[in-house]
Amino acid sequence: MAPGSSSKSYFSVIISIALVLFMLGITGLLVLKAKSISESVKENIGITVYLRDDVKDVDVKRLQKSLDASRFVKTTEFISKEEAAELLQADLGEDFVDFLGYNPLLTSIDVRMNAEYAHPDSLAWIEADLLKNPKIQNVDYHKDLLTAVNENIQKITIILVGFSVMLLFVAMALINSTIRLSIYSRRFIIRSMQLVGATPQFITRPFVMKSLVNGFYGALISVVLIAMVVYSIQKQMPEIFNINDITLYAMVIGGVVALGLIISWVSTTFAVRRYLKLKTDQLYR
């Protein structure tokens, strides 16, 4: 076989491994980040606590501090009647206070929940508990939206896990097929080595070593591509993809490199052994 043909074969193997491992790495990253993403989504769905008109400022501050200290609360934000009116006027595009002659809105506290409490069952008892406070007039949150978000997060997590498992099998099949084709093009070299008395281990070793190098190079290329994607997403959504989460990215990078090496080693070993067992007339098929 011509040297140029061999180089092209190695190059195609490396690129195939890199692209497949890139897809696996991105999918694995999404699966590992699913928890953080779901928590971020849940924590953006909060409740609004409306206070009675006769509540004093000191009582409002005391209530807000009490909420901040609660185990189910992540953050709170106080919104006065005037601020609420300004926000609504901006949405409506007109001054409804002048039209009505008074401000009908209530002082409120926007509460962002910790993710583990941001589901319908927890919010139901939290709402009931808050309404026992005589200073609170009403508690409002989007029940239907919260239910839909929790159901969709569960579905997406199941789909991601299933897709990652399926992609792993596809990746193994594709890499195995590419390596087998590469070994097939050198089947006569394997037979020549057999004819001069080389042992199966001696014949297999250089192919495995070369395949491991190709797998490592392919894994490195995929890691660079993954890093570029993560960096791009992190600039758009820093609250979800934190580039300082070293442990997570180390797991993904380690997994990608390990898969590249293991699949290359296993596929090459079995492919070479297959051709070692072929008869001479079978090499031409």
C-alpha atoms as a PDB file:
ATOM      1  CA  MET A   1       0.000   0.000   0.000  1.00  0.00           C
ATOM      2  CA  ALA A   2       1.220   3.516  -0.847  1.00  0.00           C
ATOM      3  CA  PRO A   3       2.282   5.742   2.074  1.00  0.00           C
ATOM      4  CA  GLY A   4      -0.196   8.406   1.048  1.00  0.00           C
ATOM      5  CA  SER A   5      -3.048   5.921   1.189  1.00  0.00           C
ATOM      6  CA  SER A   6      -1.984   4.830   4.676  1.00  0.00           C
ATOM      7  CA  SER A   7      -1.850   8.435   5.880  1.00  0.00           C
ATOM      8  CA  LYS A   8      -5.338   9.076   4.531  1.00  0.00           C
ATOM      9  CA  SER A   9      -6.594   5.957   6.282  1.00  0.00           C
ATOM     10  CA  TYR A  10      -5.137   7.065   9.618  1.00  0.00           C
ATOM     11  CA  PHE A  11      -6.518  10.565   9.124  1.00  0.00           C
ATOM     12  CA  SER A  12     -10.028   9.270   8.401  1.00  0.00           C
ATOM     13  CA  VAL A  13      -9.891   7.083  11.519  1.00  0.00           C
ATOM     14  CA  ILE A  14      -8.813  10.028  13.704  1.00  0.00           C
ATOM     15  CA  ILE A  15     -11.511  12.342  12.315  1.00  0.00           C
ATOM     16  CA  SER A  16     -14.200   9.657  12.684  1.00  0.00           C
ATOM     17  CA  ILE A  17     -13.201   9.022  16.286  1.00  0.00           C
ATOM     18  CA  ALA A  18     -13.049  12.762  17.030  1.00  0.00           C
ATOM     19  CA  LEU A  19     -16.531  13.506  15.644  1.00  0.00           C
ATOM     20  CA  VAL A  20     -18.154  10.563  17.388  1.00  0.00           C
ATOM     21  CA  LEU A  21     -16.462  11.341  20.700  1.00  0.00           C
ATOM     22  CA  PHE A  22     -17.452  14.995  20.321  1.00  0.00           C
ATOM     23  CA  MET A  23     -21.120  14.036  20.089  1.00  0.00           C
ATOM     24  CA  LEU A  24     -20.733  11.677  23.046  1.00  0.00           C
ATOM     25  CA  GLY A  25     -18.964  14.350  25.084  1.00  0.00           C
ATOM     26  CA  ILE A  26     -21.616  16.995  24.421  1.00  0.00           C
ATOM     27  CA  THR A  27     -24.397  14.547  25.281  1.00  0.00           C
ATOM     28  CA  GLY A  28     -22.592  13.459  28.448  1.00  0.00           C
ATOM     29  CA  LEU A  29     -22.078  17.088  29.417  1.00  0.00           C
ATOM     30  CA  LEU A  30     -25.786  17.801  28.980  1.00  0.00           C
ATOM     31  CA  VAL A  31     -26.713  14.770  31.081  1.00  0.00           C
ATOM     32  CA  LEU A  32     -24.346  15.852  33.853  1.00  0.00           C
ATOM     33  CA  LYS A  33     -25.575  19.437  33.627  1.00  0.00           C
ATOM     34  CA  ALA A  34     -29.244  18.430  33.550  1.00  0.00           C
ATOM     35  CA  LYS A  35     -29.529  18.803  37.332  1.00  0.00           C
ATOM     36  CA  SER A  36     -28.008  22.311  37.309  1.00  0.00           C
ATOM     37  CA  ILE A  37     -30.151  23.350  34.356  1.00  0.00           C
ATOM     38  CA  SER A  38     -33.337  22.045  35.974  1.00  0.00           C
ATOM     39  CA  GLU A  39     -32.454  23.818  39.233  1.00  0.00           C
ATOM     40  CA  SER A  40     -31.836  27.076  37.378  1.00  0.00           C
ATOM     41  CA  VAL A  41     -35.203  26.812  35.621  1.00  0.00           C
ATOM     42  CA  LYS A  42     -37.071  25.964  38.820  1.00  0.00           C
ATOM     43  CA  GLU A  43     -35.430  28.775  40.788  1.00  0.00           C
ATOM     44  CA  ASN A  44     -36.645  31.276  38.200  1.00  0.00           C
ATOM     45  CA  ILE A  45     -40.230  30.302  38.956  1.00  0.00           C
ATOM     46  CA  GLY A  46     -41.189  32.000  42.194  1.00  0.00           C
ATOM     47  CA  ILE A  47     -44.206  33.132  44.182  1.00  0.00           C
ATOM     48  CA  THR A  48     -45.491  36.600  44.945  1.00  0.00           C
ATOM     49  CA  VAL A  49     -46.602  37.377  48.491  1.00  0.00           C
ATOM     50  CA  TYR A  50     -49.102  40.267  48.583  1.00  0.00           C
ATOM     51  CA  LEU A  51     -49.344  42.200  51.843  1.00  0.00           C
ATOM     52  CA  ARG A  52     -52.305  44.001  53.343  1.00  0.00           C
ATOM     53  CA  ASP A  53     -52.499  47.792  53.006  1.00  0.00           C
ATOM     54  CA  ASP A  54     -52.363  48.386  56.739  1.00  0.00           C
ATOM     55  CA  VAL A  55     -49.063  46.543  57.283  1.00  0.00           C
ATOM     56  CA  LYS A  56     -46.346  48.763  58.713  1.00  0.00           C
ATOM     57  CA  ASP A  57     -42.895  49.078  57.149  1.00  0.00           C
ATOM     58  CA  VAL A  58     -41.225  47.527  60.174  1.00  0.00           C
ATOM     59  CA  ASP A  59     -43.529  44.501  59.894  1.00  0.00           C
ATOM     60  CA  VAL A  60     -42.746  44.183  56.184  1.00  0.00           C
ATOM     61  CA  LYS A  61     -39.005  44.120  56.886  1.00  0.00           C
ATOM     62  CA  ARG A  62     -39.503  41.589  59.658  1.00  0.00           C
ATOM     63  CA  LEU A  63     -41.540  39.365  57.333  1.00  0.00           C
ATOM     64  CA  GLN A  64     -38.946  39.598  54.570  1.00  0.00           C
ATOM     65  CA  LYS A  65     -36.165  38.651  56.986  1.00  0.00           C
ATOM     66  CA  SER A  66     -38.264  35.720  58.153  1.00  0.00           C
ATOM     67  CA  LEU A  67     -38.714  34.561  54.554  1.00  0.00           C
ATOM     68  CA  ASP A  68     -34.994  34.942  53.837  1.00  0.00           C
ATOM     69  CA  ALA A  69     -34.263  32.672  56.786  1.00  0.00           C
ATOM     70  CA  SER A  70     -36.708  29.988  55.578  1.00  0.00           C
ATOM     71  CA  ARG A  71     -35.210  26.779  54.225  1.00  0.00           C
ATOM     72  CA  PHE A  72     -37.346  26.902  51.075  1.00  0.00           C
ATOM     73  CA  VAL A  73     -36.383  30.457  50.046  1.00  0.00           C
ATOM     74  CA  LYS A  74     -33.408  31.305  47.835  1.00  0.00           C
ATOM     75  CA  THR A  75     -33.916  35.091  47.451  1.00  0.00           C
ATOM     76  CA  THR A  76     -36.577  37.713  48.109  1.00  0.00           C
ATOM     77  CA  GLU A  77     -37.257  41.123  46.595  1.00  0.00           C
ATOM     78  CA  PHE A  78     -39.470  43.784  48.152  1.00  0.00           C
ATOM     79  CA  ILE A  79     -41.716  45.699  45.735  1.00  0.00           C
ATOM     80  CA  SER A  80     -43.593  48.727  47.061  1.00  0.00           C
ATOM     81  CA  LYS A  81     -46.967  49.920  45.767  1.00  0.00           C
ATOM     82  CA  GLU A  82     -45.230  52.716  43.854  1.00  0.00           C
ATOM     83  CA  GLU A  83     -42.700  50.376  42.226  1.00  0.00           C
ATOM     84  CA  ALA A  84     -45.478  47.963  41.265  1.00  0.00           C
ATOM     85  CA  ALA A  85     -47.408  50.838  39.684  1.00  0.00           C
ATOM     86  CA  GLU A  86     -44.367  51.942  37.677  1.00  0.00           C
ATOM     87  CA  LEU A  87     -43.789  48.416  36.397  1.00  0.00           C
ATOM     88  CA  LEU A  88     -47.435  48.018  35.373  1.00  0.00           C
ATOM     89  CA  GLN A  89     -47.487  51.449  33.726  1.00  0.00           C
ATOM     90  CA  ALA A  90     -44.433  50.447  31.679  1.00  0.00           C
ATOM     91  CA  ASP A  91     -46.229  47.275  30.535  1.00  0.00           C
ATOM     92  CA  LEU A  92     -49.518  49.043  29.754  1.00  0.00           C
ATOM     93  CA  GLY A  93     -47.962  52.150  28.268  1.00  0.00           C
ATOM     94  CA  GLU A  94     -50.318  54.474  30.150  1.00  0.00           C
ATOM     95  CA  ASP A  95     -50.736  56.005  33.587  1.00  0.00           C
ATOM     96  CA  PHE A  96     -53.616  54.041  35.110  1.00  0.00           C
ATOM     97  CA  VAL A  97     -53.117  55.687  38.540  1.00  0.00           C
ATOM     98  CA  ASP A  98     -54.137  59.120  37.171  1.00  0.00           C
ATOM     99  CA  PHE A  99     -57.061  57.514  35.389  1.00  0.00           C
ATOM    100  CA  LEU A 100     -58.346  55.694  38.499  1.00  0.00           C
ATOM    101  CA  GLY A 101     -57.377  58.423  40.940  1.00  0.00           C
ATOM    102  CA  TYR A 102     -55.612  55.957  43.267  1.00  0.00           C
ATOM    103  CA  ASN A 103     -53.126  53.090  43.252  1.00  0.00           C
ATOM    104  CA  PRO A 104     -55.021  49.760  43.598  1.00  0.00           C
ATOM    105  CA  LEU A 105     -51.864  47.633  43.716  1.00  0.00           C
ATOM    106  CA  LEU A 106     -50.546  45.980  46.858  1.00  0.00           C
ATOM    107  CA  THR A 107     -47.111  45.958  48.402  1.00  0.00           C
ATOM    108  CA  SER A 108     -45.525  42.588  47.663  1.00  0.00           C
ATOM    109  CA  ILE A 109     -42.483  40.392  48.147  1.00  0.00           C
ATOM    110  CA  ASP A 110     -41.239  38.327  45.209  1.00  0.00           C
ATOM    111  CA  VAL A 111     -39.852  35.027  46.458  1.00  0.00           C
ATOM    112  CA  ARG A 112     -37.527  32.758  44.503  1.00  0.00           C
ATOM    113  CA  MET A 113     -37.637  29.209  45.806  1.00  0.00           C
ATOM    114  CA  ASN A 114     -34.834  26.714  46.310  1.00  0.00           C
ATOM    115  CA  ALA A 115     -35.063  24.160  43.504  1.00  0.00           C
ATOM    116  CA  GLU A 116     -36.008  21.220  45.751  1.00  0.00           C
ATOM    117  CA  TYR A 117     -39.153  23.083  46.871  1.00  0.00           C
ATOM    118  CA  ALA A 118     -40.146  24.348  43.421  1.00  0.00           C
ATOM    119  CA  HIS A 119     -42.795  21.746  42.683  1.00  0.00           C
ATOM    120  CA  PRO A 120     -46.586  21.764  43.167  1.00  0.00           C
ATOM    121  CA  ASP A 121     -46.770  19.675  46.364  1.00  0.00           C
ATOM    122  CA  SER A 122     -44.226  21.781  48.254  1.00  0.00           C
ATOM    123  CA  LEU A 123     -45.667  25.090  47.085  1.00  0.00           C
ATOM    124  CA  ALA A 124     -49.149  23.993  48.127  1.00  0.00           C
ATOM    125  CA  TRP A 125     -48.141  23.626  51.794  1.00  0.00           C
ATOM    126  CA  ILE A 126     -45.902  26.713  51.628  1.00  0.00           C
ATOM    127  CA  GLU A 127     -48.849  28.742  50.343  1.00  0.00           C
ATOM    128  CA  ALA A 128     -51.124  27.396  53.079  1.00  0.00           C
ATOM    129  CA  ASP A 129     -48.521  28.171  55.747  1.00  0.00           C
ATOM    130  CA  LEU A 130     -47.942  31.730  54.494  1.00  0.00           C
ATOM    131  CA  LEU A 131     -51.664  32.514  54.388  1.00  0.00           C
ATOM    132  CA  LYS A 132     -51.854  31.846  58.125  1.00  0.00           C
ATOM    133  CA  ASN A 133     -49.948  35.101  58.608  1.00  0.00           C
ATOM    134  CA  PRO A 134     -52.502  37.928  59.134  1.00  0.00           C
ATOM    135  CA  LYS A 135     -50.197  40.421  57.383  1.00  0.00           C
ATOM    136  CA  ILE A 136     -50.408  38.465  54.111  1.00  0.00           C
ATOM    137  CA  GLN A 137     -53.457  39.012  51.924  1.00  0.00           C
ATOM    138  CA  ASN A 138     -52.696  36.633  49.076  1.00  0.00           C
ATOM    139  CA  VAL A 139     -50.055  34.318  47.636  1.00  0.00           C
ATOM    140  CA  ASP A 140     -49.819  33.940  43.870  1.00  0.00           C
ATOM    141  CA  TYR A 141     -47.797  31.660  41.602  1.00  0.00           C
ATOM    142  CA  HIS A 142     -48.254  29.934  38.249  1.00  0.00           C
ATOM    143  CA  LYS A 143     -49.448  26.456  39.211  1.00  0.00           C
ATOM    144  CA  ASP A 144     -49.923  25.217  35.635  1.00  0.00           C
ATOM    145  CA  LEU A 145     -46.538  26.513  34.518  1.00  0.00           C
ATOM    146  CA  LEU A 146     -44.807  24.907  37.499  1.00  0.00           C
ATOM    147  CA  THR A 147     -46.455  21.558  36.819  1.00  0.00           C
ATOM    148  CA  ALA A 148     -45.515  21.728  33.134  1.00  0.00           C
ATOM    149  CA  VAL A 149     -41.899  22.628  33.927  1.00  0.00           C
ATOM    150  CA  ASN A 150     -41.453  19.714  36.357  1.00  0.00           C
ATOM    151  CA  GLU A 151     -43.036  17.229  33.950  1.00  0.00           C
ATOM    152  CA  ASN A 152     -40.955  18.471  31.006  1.00  0.00           C
ATOM    153  CA  ILE A 153     -37.712  18.355  32.998  1.00  0.00           C
ATOM    154  CA  GLN A 154     -38.370  14.710  33.900  1.00  0.00           C
ATOM    155  CA  LYS A 155     -39.125  13.863  30.257  1.00  0.00           C
ATOM    156  CA  ILE A 156     -36.033  15.688  28.979  1.00  0.00           C
ATOM    157  CA  THR A 157     -33.813  13.927  31.521  1.00  0.00           C
ATOM    158  CA  ILE A 158     -35.127  10.498  30.488  1.00  0.00           C
ATOM    159  CA  ILE A 159     -34.716  11.361  26.791  1.00  0.00           C
ATOM    160  CA  LEU A 160     -31.143  12.602  27.324  1.00  0.00           C
ATOM    161  CA  VAL A 161     -30.122   9.484  29.229  1.00  0.00           C
ATOM    162  CA  GLY A 162     -31.725   7.233  26.620  1.00  0.00           C
ATOM    163  CA  PHE A 163     -30.149   9.180  23.772  1.00  0.00           C
ATOM    164  CA  SER A 164     -26.706   9.072  25.392  1.00  0.00           C
ATOM    165  CA  VAL A 165     -26.912   5.280  25.808  1.00  0.00           C
ATOM    166  CA  MET A 166     -28.043   4.855  22.194  1.00  0.00           C
ATOM    167  CA  LEU A 167     -25.319   7.224  20.980  1.00  0.00           C
ATOM    168  CA  LEU A 168     -22.710   5.245  22.920  1.00  0.00           C
ATOM    169  CA  PHE A 169     -23.647   2.043  21.075  1.00  0.00           C
ATOM    170  CA  VAL A 170     -23.715   3.872  17.737  1.00  0.00           C
ATOM    171  CA  ALA A 171     -20.334   5.448  18.498  1.00  0.00           C
ATOM    172  CA  MET A 172     -18.806   2.080  19.326  1.00  0.00           C
ATOM    173  CA  ALA A 173     -20.217   0.592  16.113  1.00  0.00           C
ATOM    174  CA  LEU A 174     -18.966   3.480  13.936  1.00  0.00           C
ATOM    175  CA  ILE A 175     -15.477   3.579  15.434  1.00  0.00           C
ATOM    176  CA  ASN A 176     -15.262  -0.219  15.254  1.00  0.00           C
ATOM    177  CA  SER A 177     -16.327  -0.175  11.599  1.00  0.00           C
ATOM    178  CA  THR A 178     -13.816   2.557  10.703  1.00  0.00           C
ATOM    179  CA  ILE A 179     -10.956   0.722  12.409  1.00  0.00           C
ATOM    180  CA  ARG A 180     -11.919  -2.591  10.802  1.00  0.00           C
ATOM    181  CA  LEU A 181     -11.818  -0.941   7.366  1.00  0.00           C
ATOM    182  CA  SER A 182      -8.409   0.477   8.192  1.00  0.00           C
ATOM    183  CA  ILE A 183      -7.129  -2.955   9.240  1.00  0.00           C
ATOM    184  CA  TYR A 184      -8.731  -4.546   6.158  1.00  0.00           C
ATOM    185  CA  SER A 185      -6.563  -2.382   3.900  1.00  0.00           C
ATOM    186  CA  ARG A 186      -3.469  -3.906   5.581  1.00  0.00           C
ATOM    187  CA  ARG A 187      -4.613  -7.495   5.681  1.00  0.00           C
ATOM    188  CA  PHE A 188      -1.865  -8.619   3.278  1.00  0.00           C
ATOM    189  CA  ILE A 189       0.767  -7.092   5.554  1.00  0.00           C
ATOM    190  CA  ILE A 190      -0.648  -9.174   8.391  1.00  0.00           C
ATOM    191  CA  ARG A 191      -0.456 -12.318   6.260  1.00  0.00           C
ATOM    192  CA  SER A 192       3.143 -11.522   5.231  1.00  0.00           C
ATOM    193  CA  MET A 193       4.141 -11.190   8.875  1.00  0.00           C
ATOM    194  CA  GLN A 194       2.502 -14.555   9.585  1.00  0.00           C
ATOM    195  CA  LEU A 195       4.419 -16.192   6.760  1.00  0.00           C
ATOM    196  CA  VAL A 196       7.759 -15.083   8.194  1.00  0.00           C
ATOM    197  CA  GLY A 197       6.875 -16.632  11.556  1.00  0.00           C
ATOM    198  CA  ALA A 198       5.670 -13.627  13.588  1.00  0.00           C
ATOM    199  CA  THR A 199       3.507 -14.533  16.596  1.00  0.00           C
ATOM    200  CA  PRO A 200      -0.074 -13.183  16.905  1.00  0.00           C
ATOM    201  CA  GLN A 201       0.977 -10.980  19.825  1.00  0.00           C
ATOM    202  CA  PHE A 202       3.902  -9.545  17.835  1.00  0.00           C
ATOM    203  CA  ILE A 203       1.617  -8.802  14.864  1.00  0.00           C
ATOM    204  CA  THR A 204      -1.159  -7.313  16.960  1.00  0.00           C
ATOM    205  CA  ARG A 205       1.027  -5.042  19.109  1.00  0.00           C
ATOM    206  CA  PRO A 206       1.994  -2.385  16.495  1.00  0.00           C
ATOM    207  CA  PHE A 207      -1.567  -2.151  15.186  1.00  0.00           C
ATOM    208  CA  VAL A 208      -2.924  -1.695  18.705  1.00  0.00           C
ATOM    209  CA  MET A 209      -0.287   0.911  19.566  1.00  0.00           C
ATOM    210  CA  LYS A 210      -1.008   2.867  16.384  1.00  0.00           C
ATOM    211  CA  SER A 211      -4.747   2.613  17.054  1.00  0.00           C
ATOM    212  CA  LEU A 212      -4.289   3.892  20.611  1.00  0.00           C
ATOM    213  CA  VAL A 213      -2.364   6.882  19.265  1.00  0.00           C
ATOM    214  CA  ASN A 214      -5.152   7.538  16.749  1.00  0.00           C
ATOM    215  CA  GLY A 215      -7.754   7.199  19.485  1.00  0.00           C
ATOM    216  CA  PHE A 216      -5.832   9.628  21.687  1.00  0.00           C
ATOM    217  CA  TYR A 217      -5.504  12.183  18.889  1.00  0.00           C
ATOM    218  CA  GLY A 218      -9.191  11.822  18.065  1.00  0.00           C
ATOM    219  CA  ALA A 219     -10.069  12.317  21.740  1.00  0.00           C
ATOM    220  CA  LEU A 220      -7.891  15.445  21.913  1.00  0.00           C
ATOM    221  CA  ILE A 221      -9.612  16.936  18.874  1.00  0.00           C
ATOM    222  CA  SER A 222     -13.025  16.182  20.385  1.00  0.00           C
ATOM    223  CA  VAL A 223     -11.968  17.776  23.701  1.00  0.00           C
ATOM    224  CA  VAL A 224     -10.933  20.962  21.866  1.00  0.00           C
ATOM    225  CA  LEU A 225     -14.287  21.044  20.036  1.00  0.00           C
ATOM    226  CA  ILE A 226     -16.181  20.475  23.293  1.00  0.00           C
ATOM    227  CA  ALA A 227     -14.203  23.257  24.989  1.00  0.00           C
ATOM    228  CA  MET A 228     -15.080  25.653  22.154  1.00  0.00           C
ATOM    229  CA  VAL A 229     -18.787  24.801  22.449  1.00  0.00           C
ATOM    230  CA  VAL A 230     -18.748  25.133  26.258  1.00  0.00           C
ATOM    231  CA  TYR A 231     -16.953  28.480  26.071  1.00  0.00           C
ATOM    232  CA  SER A 232     -19.474  29.779  23.528  1.00  0.00           C
ATOM    233  CA  ILE A 233     -22.477  28.634  25.599  1.00  0.00           C
ATOM    234  CA  GLN A 234     -20.923  29.924  28.817  1.00  0.00           C
ATOM    235  CA  LYS A 235     -20.749  33.421  27.362  1.00  0.00           C
ATOM    236  CA  GLN A 236     -24.481  33.270  26.585  1.00  0.00           C
ATOM    237  CA  MET A 237     -25.675  31.443  29.715  1.00  0.00           C
ATOM    238  CA  PRO A 238     -23.090  31.878  32.493  1.00  0.00           C
ATOM    239  CA  GLU A 239     -25.604  30.945  35.186  1.00  0.00           C
ATOM    240  CA  ILE A 240     -25.989  27.461  33.675  1.00  0.00           C
ATOM    241  CA  PHE A 241     -22.557  26.665  32.243  1.00  0.00           C
ATOM    242  CA  ASN A 242     -20.009  27.769  34.804  1.00  0.00           C
ATOM    243  CA  ILE A 243     -16.590  27.486  33.195  1.00  0.00           C
ATOM    244  CA  ASN A 244     -15.041  27.158  36.682  1.00  0.00           C
ATOM    245  CA  ASP A 245     -16.810  23.837  37.329  1.00  0.00           C
ATOM    246  CA  ILE A 246     -13.527  21.943  36.980  1.00  0.00           C
ATOM    247  CA  THR A 247     -14.779  18.620  38.377  1.00  0.00           C
ATOM    248  CA  LEU A 248     -17.601  18.347  35.836  1.00  0.00           C
ATOM    249  CA  TYR A 249     -15.414  19.129  32.842  1.00  0.00           C
ATOM    250  CA  ALA A 250     -12.663  16.844  34.128  1.00  0.00           C
ATOM    251  CA  MET A 251     -15.198  13.987  34.229  1.00  0.00           C
ATOM    252  CA  VAL A 252     -16.294  14.700  30.643  1.00  0.00           C
ATOM    253  CA  ILE A 253     -12.727  15.039  29.334  1.00  0.00           C
ATOM    254  CA  GLY A 254     -11.591  11.916  31.196  1.00  0.00           C
ATOM    255  CA  GLY A 255     -14.579   9.965  29.897  1.00  0.00           C
ATOM    256  CA  VAL A 256     -14.001  11.073  26.303  1.00  0.00           C
ATOM    257  CA  VAL A 257     -10.282  10.184  26.354  1.00  0.00           C
ATOM    258  CA  ALA A 258     -10.952   6.855  28.091  1.00  0.00           C
ATOM    259  CA  LEU A 259     -13.644   5.914  25.547  1.00  0.00           C
ATOM    260  CA  GLY A 260     -11.401   6.860  22.654  1.00  0.00           C
ATOM    261  CA  LEU A 261      -8.613   4.624  23.956  1.00  0.00           C
ATOM    262  CA  ILE A 262     -10.779   1.699  25.057  1.00  0.00           C
ATOM    263  CA  ILE A 263     -12.876   1.515  21.871  1.00  0.00           C
ATOM    264  CA  SER A 264      -9.755   1.839  19.682  1.00  0.00           C
ATOM    265  CA  TRP A 265      -7.932  -0.870  21.626  1.00  0.00           C
ATOM    266  CA  VAL A 266     -10.838  -3.350  21.666  1.00  0.00           C
ATOM    267  CA  SER A 267     -11.822  -2.788  18.020  1.00  0.00           C
ATOM    268  CA  THR A 268      -8.251  -3.081  16.722  1.00  0.00           C
ATOM    269  CA  THR A 269      -7.482  -6.198  18.769  1.00  0.00           C
ATOM    270  CA  PHE A 270     -10.574  -8.033  17.507  1.00  0.00           C
ATOM    271  CA  ALA A 271     -10.082  -6.834  13.915  1.00  0.00           C
ATOM    272  CA  VAL A 272      -6.457  -8.006  13.739  1.00  0.00           C
ATOM    273  CA  ARG A 273      -7.276 -11.345  15.348  1.00  0.00           C
ATOM    274  CA  ARG A 274     -10.041 -11.824  12.779  1.00  0.00           C
ATOM    275  CA  TYR A 275      -7.601 -11.450   9.901  1.00  0.00           C
ATOM    276  CA  LEU A 276      -5.064 -13.674  11.622  1.00  0.00           C
ATOM    277  CA  LYS A 277      -7.586 -16.517  11.430  1.00  0.00           C
ATOM    278  CA  LEU A 278      -8.473 -16.033   7.743  1.00  0.00           C
ATOM    279  CA  LYS A 279      -7.267 -18.443   5.091  1.00  0.00           C
ATOM    280  CA  THR A 280      -5.296 -17.054   2.142  1.00  0.00           C
ATOM    281  CA  ASP A 281      -8.190 -17.342  -0.345  1.00  0.00           C
ATOM    282  CA  GLN A 282     -10.468 -15.406   2.067  1.00  0.00           C
ATOM    283  CA  LEU A 283      -8.172 -12.374   1.975  1.00  0.00           C
ATOM    284  CA  TYR A 284      -9.330 -11.604  -1.580  1.00  0.00           C
ATOM    285  CA  ARG A 285     -13.036 -11.463  -0.711  1.00  0.00           C
END
